């Protein structure tokens, strides 16, 4: 089996890759990346992959709930050593709220979701940070503040058993 070609040299220190983009860039980038470390259950979106062609390590946040992007951060040898030996991760992607925020912060946003499907994610964000405001939720999901307030009220009323489970 032929080794996949490497796209690492075309990527900066931080790179945003759309999931299922029409040009197939995501498939080309991930063709040589192999998952080597998952952060774990409480940070299900975060892992490290290594390029099988050049050996470059990447910290990757996979955000498929809202904006459908992979966020890649090039890791130095020292950073990779800290992750593998001490489970000490760089802070960039440790909060799911911060990962979602990367979309609007970098002008990469989804516009195809049903706002009512956001209730479970909003509830999760509210539990992670009780003081999150409607203005912040509106920014994260590219909604009006009025719509964000409505969804936050809905999330407050719902129990976890009423929400849809994530895979």
C-alpha atoms as a PDB file:
ATOM      1  CA  UNK A   1       0.000   0.000   0.000  1.00  0.00           C
ATOM      2  CA  UNK A   2       1.415   3.394  -1.004  1.00  0.00           C
ATOM      3  CA  UNK A   3       2.083   5.946   1.702  1.00  0.00           C
ATOM      4  CA  UNK A   4      -0.231   8.966   1.643  1.00  0.00           C
ATOM      5  CA  UNK A   5       1.244  12.230   0.456  1.00  0.00           C
ATOM      6  CA  UNK A   6       1.737  14.849   3.108  1.00  0.00           C
ATOM      7  CA  UNK A   7      -0.073  18.213   3.219  1.00  0.00           C
ATOM      8  CA  UNK A   8       1.693  19.437   6.389  1.00  0.00           C
ATOM      9  CA  UNK A   9       4.010  21.846   4.583  1.00  0.00           C
ATOM     10  CA  UNK A  10       0.976  23.679   3.159  1.00  0.00           C
ATOM     11  CA  UNK A  11      -0.476  24.326   6.624  1.00  0.00           C
ATOM     12  CA  UNK A  12       0.455  27.077   9.040  1.00  0.00           C
ATOM     13  CA  UNK A  13       0.812  26.802  12.791  1.00  0.00           C
ATOM     14  CA  UNK A  14      -2.986  27.076  13.038  1.00  0.00           C
ATOM     15  CA  UNK A  15      -5.261  25.894  10.263  1.00  0.00           C
ATOM     16  CA  UNK A  16      -9.026  25.558   9.800  1.00  0.00           C
ATOM     17  CA  UNK A  17     -10.286  22.716   7.627  1.00  0.00           C
ATOM     18  CA  UNK A  18     -13.925  22.414   6.603  1.00  0.00           C
ATOM     19  CA  UNK A  19     -15.535  19.019   6.987  1.00  0.00           C
ATOM     20  CA  UNK A  20     -16.527  17.584   3.638  1.00  0.00           C
ATOM     21  CA  UNK A  21     -15.442  20.613   1.636  1.00  0.00           C
ATOM     22  CA  UNK A  22     -16.199  20.473  -2.074  1.00  0.00           C
ATOM     23  CA  UNK A  23     -12.505  20.527  -3.022  1.00  0.00           C
ATOM     24  CA  UNK A  24     -11.650  17.495  -0.889  1.00  0.00           C
ATOM     25  CA  UNK A  25      -9.009  19.380   1.103  1.00  0.00           C
ATOM     26  CA  UNK A  26     -10.063  17.713   4.338  1.00  0.00           C
ATOM     27  CA  UNK A  27      -9.551  14.256   2.811  1.00  0.00           C
ATOM     28  CA  UNK A  28      -6.110  15.178   1.485  1.00  0.00           C
ATOM     29  CA  UNK A  29      -4.988  16.633   4.815  1.00  0.00           C
ATOM     30  CA  UNK A  30      -6.293  13.746   6.896  1.00  0.00           C
ATOM     31  CA  UNK A  31      -5.067  11.034   4.509  1.00  0.00           C
ATOM     32  CA  UNK A  32      -1.675  10.999   6.239  1.00  0.00           C
ATOM     33  CA  UNK A  33      -2.782  11.884   9.783  1.00  0.00           C
ATOM     34  CA  UNK A  34      -3.122   9.061  12.274  1.00  0.00           C
ATOM     35  CA  UNK A  35      -4.766   9.530  15.658  1.00  0.00           C
ATOM     36  CA  UNK A  36      -2.205   8.877  18.406  1.00  0.00           C
ATOM     37  CA  UNK A  37      -3.764  10.333  21.599  1.00  0.00           C
ATOM     38  CA  UNK A  38      -7.336  11.181  22.552  1.00  0.00           C
ATOM     39  CA  UNK A  39      -7.728  13.692  25.361  1.00  0.00           C
ATOM     40  CA  UNK A  40     -10.558  11.689  26.849  1.00  0.00           C
ATOM     41  CA  UNK A  41     -14.245  11.600  27.577  1.00  0.00           C
ATOM     42  CA  UNK A  42     -14.648  15.061  29.111  1.00  0.00           C
ATOM     43  CA  UNK A  43     -12.956  16.665  26.102  1.00  0.00           C
ATOM     44  CA  UNK A  44     -14.291  14.319  23.409  1.00  0.00           C
ATOM     45  CA  UNK A  45     -13.494  16.825  20.628  1.00  0.00           C
ATOM     46  CA  UNK A  46      -9.739  16.941  21.264  1.00  0.00           C
ATOM     47  CA  UNK A  47      -6.973  14.634  20.073  1.00  0.00           C
ATOM     48  CA  UNK A  48      -3.463  14.490  18.645  1.00  0.00           C
ATOM     49  CA  UNK A  49      -2.623  13.058  15.254  1.00  0.00           C
ATOM     50  CA  UNK A  50       0.765  12.379  13.696  1.00  0.00           C
ATOM     51  CA  UNK A  51       1.551  12.606  10.007  1.00  0.00           C
ATOM     52  CA  UNK A  52       2.670   9.208   8.752  1.00  0.00           C
ATOM     53  CA  UNK A  53       4.700  10.868   5.976  1.00  0.00           C
ATOM     54  CA  UNK A  54       6.667  13.630   7.763  1.00  0.00           C
ATOM     55  CA  UNK A  55       6.131  12.875  11.472  1.00  0.00           C
ATOM     56  CA  UNK A  56       4.563  16.253  12.318  1.00  0.00           C
ATOM     57  CA  UNK A  57       2.258  16.175  15.352  1.00  0.00           C
ATOM     58  CA  UNK A  58      -1.029  18.084  15.281  1.00  0.00           C
ATOM     59  CA  UNK A  59      -3.434  18.922  18.091  1.00  0.00           C
ATOM     60  CA  UNK A  60      -6.899  18.751  16.541  1.00  0.00           C
ATOM     61  CA  UNK A  61     -10.258  19.985  17.767  1.00  0.00           C
ATOM     62  CA  UNK A  62     -13.141  18.429  15.880  1.00  0.00           C
ATOM     63  CA  UNK A  63     -16.229  20.651  15.976  1.00  0.00           C
ATOM     64  CA  UNK A  64     -19.035  18.901  14.137  1.00  0.00           C
ATOM     65  CA  UNK A  65     -22.013  20.138  16.152  1.00  0.00           C
ATOM     66  CA  UNK A  66     -22.271  23.700  14.839  1.00  0.00           C
ATOM     67  CA  UNK A  67     -19.796  24.975  12.243  1.00  0.00           C
ATOM     68  CA  UNK A  68     -18.340  21.663  10.970  1.00  0.00           C
ATOM     69  CA  UNK A  69     -14.633  22.419  11.111  1.00  0.00           C
ATOM     70  CA  UNK A  70     -11.441  20.792  12.202  1.00  0.00           C
ATOM     71  CA  UNK A  71      -9.048  23.156  13.953  1.00  0.00           C
ATOM     72  CA  UNK A  72      -5.439  22.056  13.657  1.00  0.00           C
ATOM     73  CA  UNK A  73      -2.541  23.399  15.696  1.00  0.00           C
ATOM     74  CA  UNK A  74       0.991  22.345  14.874  1.00  0.00           C
ATOM     75  CA  UNK A  75       2.746  20.917  17.944  1.00  0.00           C
ATOM     76  CA  UNK A  76       6.409  21.344  18.778  1.00  0.00           C
ATOM     77  CA  UNK A  77       8.449  18.359  19.936  1.00  0.00           C
ATOM     78  CA  UNK A  78       8.378  19.704  23.529  1.00  0.00           C
ATOM     79  CA  UNK A  79       4.602  20.174  23.474  1.00  0.00           C
ATOM     80  CA  UNK A  80       4.119  16.630  22.212  1.00  0.00           C
ATOM     81  CA  UNK A  81       6.414  15.299  24.937  1.00  0.00           C
ATOM     82  CA  UNK A  82       4.374  17.105  27.623  1.00  0.00           C
ATOM     83  CA  UNK A  83       1.146  15.658  26.227  1.00  0.00           C
ATOM     84  CA  UNK A  84       2.416  12.091  25.946  1.00  0.00           C
ATOM     85  CA  UNK A  85       4.452  11.974  29.174  1.00  0.00           C
ATOM     86  CA  UNK A  86       2.461  14.214  31.538  1.00  0.00           C
ATOM     87  CA  UNK A  87      -0.957  14.636  29.874  1.00  0.00           C
ATOM     88  CA  UNK A  88      -0.205  18.375  29.834  1.00  0.00           C
ATOM     89  CA  UNK A  89      -1.977  19.890  26.823  1.00  0.00           C
ATOM     90  CA  UNK A  90      -1.590  23.389  25.355  1.00  0.00           C
ATOM     91  CA  UNK A  91      -4.617  25.473  26.386  1.00  0.00           C
ATOM     92  CA  UNK A  92      -5.848  26.321  22.875  1.00  0.00           C
ATOM     93  CA  UNK A  93      -8.716  23.829  22.524  1.00  0.00           C
ATOM     94  CA  UNK A  94      -9.454  22.791  26.108  1.00  0.00           C
ATOM     95  CA  UNK A  95     -12.879  24.498  26.317  1.00  0.00           C
ATOM     96  CA  UNK A  96     -15.625  23.462  23.893  1.00  0.00           C
ATOM     97  CA  UNK A  97     -16.982  26.998  24.053  1.00  0.00           C
ATOM     98  CA  UNK A  98     -13.613  28.312  22.865  1.00  0.00           C
ATOM     99  CA  UNK A  99     -13.564  25.723  20.070  1.00  0.00           C
ATOM    100  CA  UNK A 100     -17.020  26.782  18.844  1.00  0.00           C
ATOM    101  CA  UNK A 101     -15.893  30.417  19.048  1.00  0.00           C
ATOM    102  CA  UNK A 102     -13.035  29.733  16.617  1.00  0.00           C
ATOM    103  CA  UNK A 103     -15.559  29.590  13.766  1.00  0.00           C
ATOM    104  CA  UNK A 104     -16.982  33.101  14.111  1.00  0.00           C
ATOM    105  CA  UNK A 105     -13.633  34.500  15.312  1.00  0.00           C
ATOM    106  CA  UNK A 106     -12.116  33.417  11.986  1.00  0.00           C
ATOM    107  CA  UNK A 107     -15.139  34.198   9.781  1.00  0.00           C
ATOM    108  CA  UNK A 108     -15.892  30.484   9.298  1.00  0.00           C
ATOM    109  CA  UNK A 109     -19.497  29.822  10.211  1.00  0.00           C
ATOM    110  CA  UNK A 110     -22.256  27.409   9.356  1.00  0.00           C
ATOM    111  CA  UNK A 111     -25.655  28.647   8.310  1.00  0.00           C
ATOM    112  CA  UNK A 112     -27.428  25.372   7.657  1.00  0.00           C
ATOM    113  CA  UNK A 113     -28.399  24.139  11.125  1.00  0.00           C
ATOM    114  CA  UNK A 114     -31.836  24.277  12.720  1.00  0.00           C
ATOM    115  CA  UNK A 115     -31.574  26.610  15.716  1.00  0.00           C
ATOM    116  CA  UNK A 116     -33.860  24.336  17.736  1.00  0.00           C
ATOM    117  CA  UNK A 117     -31.245  21.582  17.442  1.00  0.00           C
ATOM    118  CA  UNK A 118     -28.830  23.747  19.464  1.00  0.00           C
ATOM    119  CA  UNK A 119     -30.619  23.273  22.778  1.00  0.00           C
ATOM    120  CA  UNK A 120     -28.451  20.406  23.995  1.00  0.00           C
ATOM    121  CA  UNK A 121     -25.198  22.170  23.119  1.00  0.00           C
ATOM    122  CA  UNK A 122     -26.412  25.386  24.737  1.00  0.00           C
ATOM    123  CA  UNK A 123     -27.370  23.447  27.875  1.00  0.00           C
ATOM    124  CA  UNK A 124     -23.899  21.896  27.933  1.00  0.00           C
ATOM    125  CA  UNK A 125     -22.265  25.335  27.574  1.00  0.00           C
ATOM    126  CA  UNK A 126     -24.459  26.776  30.334  1.00  0.00           C
ATOM    127  CA  UNK A 127     -23.442  23.969  32.675  1.00  0.00           C
ATOM    128  CA  UNK A 128     -19.763  24.437  31.829  1.00  0.00           C
ATOM    129  CA  UNK A 129     -19.984  28.196  32.443  1.00  0.00           C
ATOM    130  CA  UNK A 130     -23.107  29.305  34.310  1.00  0.00           C
ATOM    131  CA  UNK A 131     -22.473  33.007  33.648  1.00  0.00           C
ATOM    132  CA  UNK A 132     -22.483  32.676  29.846  1.00  0.00           C
ATOM    133  CA  UNK A 133     -24.662  35.443  28.411  1.00  0.00           C
ATOM    134  CA  UNK A 134     -27.214  35.476  25.614  1.00  0.00           C
ATOM    135  CA  UNK A 135     -24.914  37.837  23.733  1.00  0.00           C
ATOM    136  CA  UNK A 136     -22.082  35.282  23.909  1.00  0.00           C
ATOM    137  CA  UNK A 137     -24.361  32.434  22.824  1.00  0.00           C
ATOM    138  CA  UNK A 138     -25.629  34.567  19.947  1.00  0.00           C
ATOM    139  CA  UNK A 139     -22.037  35.156  18.802  1.00  0.00           C
ATOM    140  CA  UNK A 140     -21.055  31.478  19.061  1.00  0.00           C
ATOM    141  CA  UNK A 141     -23.972  30.308  16.935  1.00  0.00           C
ATOM    142  CA  UNK A 142     -24.400  33.389  14.733  1.00  0.00           C
ATOM    143  CA  UNK A 143     -27.909  34.024  16.038  1.00  0.00           C
ATOM    144  CA  UNK A 144     -29.799  37.095  17.136  1.00  0.00           C
ATOM    145  CA  UNK A 145     -29.600  37.792  20.847  1.00  0.00           C
ATOM    146  CA  UNK A 146     -33.367  37.333  21.053  1.00  0.00           C
ATOM    147  CA  UNK A 147     -33.099  33.840  19.534  1.00  0.00           C
ATOM    148  CA  UNK A 148     -30.200  33.002  21.855  1.00  0.00           C
ATOM    149  CA  UNK A 149     -32.292  34.015  24.896  1.00  0.00           C
ATOM    150  CA  UNK A 150     -35.184  31.856  23.677  1.00  0.00           C
ATOM    151  CA  UNK A 151     -32.923  28.838  23.264  1.00  0.00           C
ATOM    152  CA  UNK A 152     -31.244  29.420  26.637  1.00  0.00           C
ATOM    153  CA  UNK A 153     -34.656  29.548  28.320  1.00  0.00           C
ATOM    154  CA  UNK A 154     -35.615  26.334  26.542  1.00  0.00           C
ATOM    155  CA  UNK A 155     -32.341  24.674  27.630  1.00  0.00           C
ATOM    156  CA  UNK A 156     -32.941  25.692  31.264  1.00  0.00           C
ATOM    157  CA  UNK A 157     -36.368  24.009  31.213  1.00  0.00           C
ATOM    158  CA  UNK A 158     -35.198  20.761  29.655  1.00  0.00           C
ATOM    159  CA  UNK A 159     -33.674  17.821  31.478  1.00  0.00           C
ATOM    160  CA  UNK A 160     -30.815  15.812  29.988  1.00  0.00           C
ATOM    161  CA  UNK A 161     -33.176  12.907  29.322  1.00  0.00           C
ATOM    162  CA  UNK A 162     -35.211  15.170  26.988  1.00  0.00           C
ATOM    163  CA  UNK A 163     -32.198  16.076  24.901  1.00  0.00           C
ATOM    164  CA  UNK A 164     -30.787  14.023  22.067  1.00  0.00           C
ATOM    165  CA  UNK A 165     -27.636  12.063  22.862  1.00  0.00           C
ATOM    166  CA  UNK A 166     -24.452  12.650  20.888  1.00  0.00           C
ATOM    167  CA  UNK A 167     -22.450   9.828  19.448  1.00  0.00           C
END
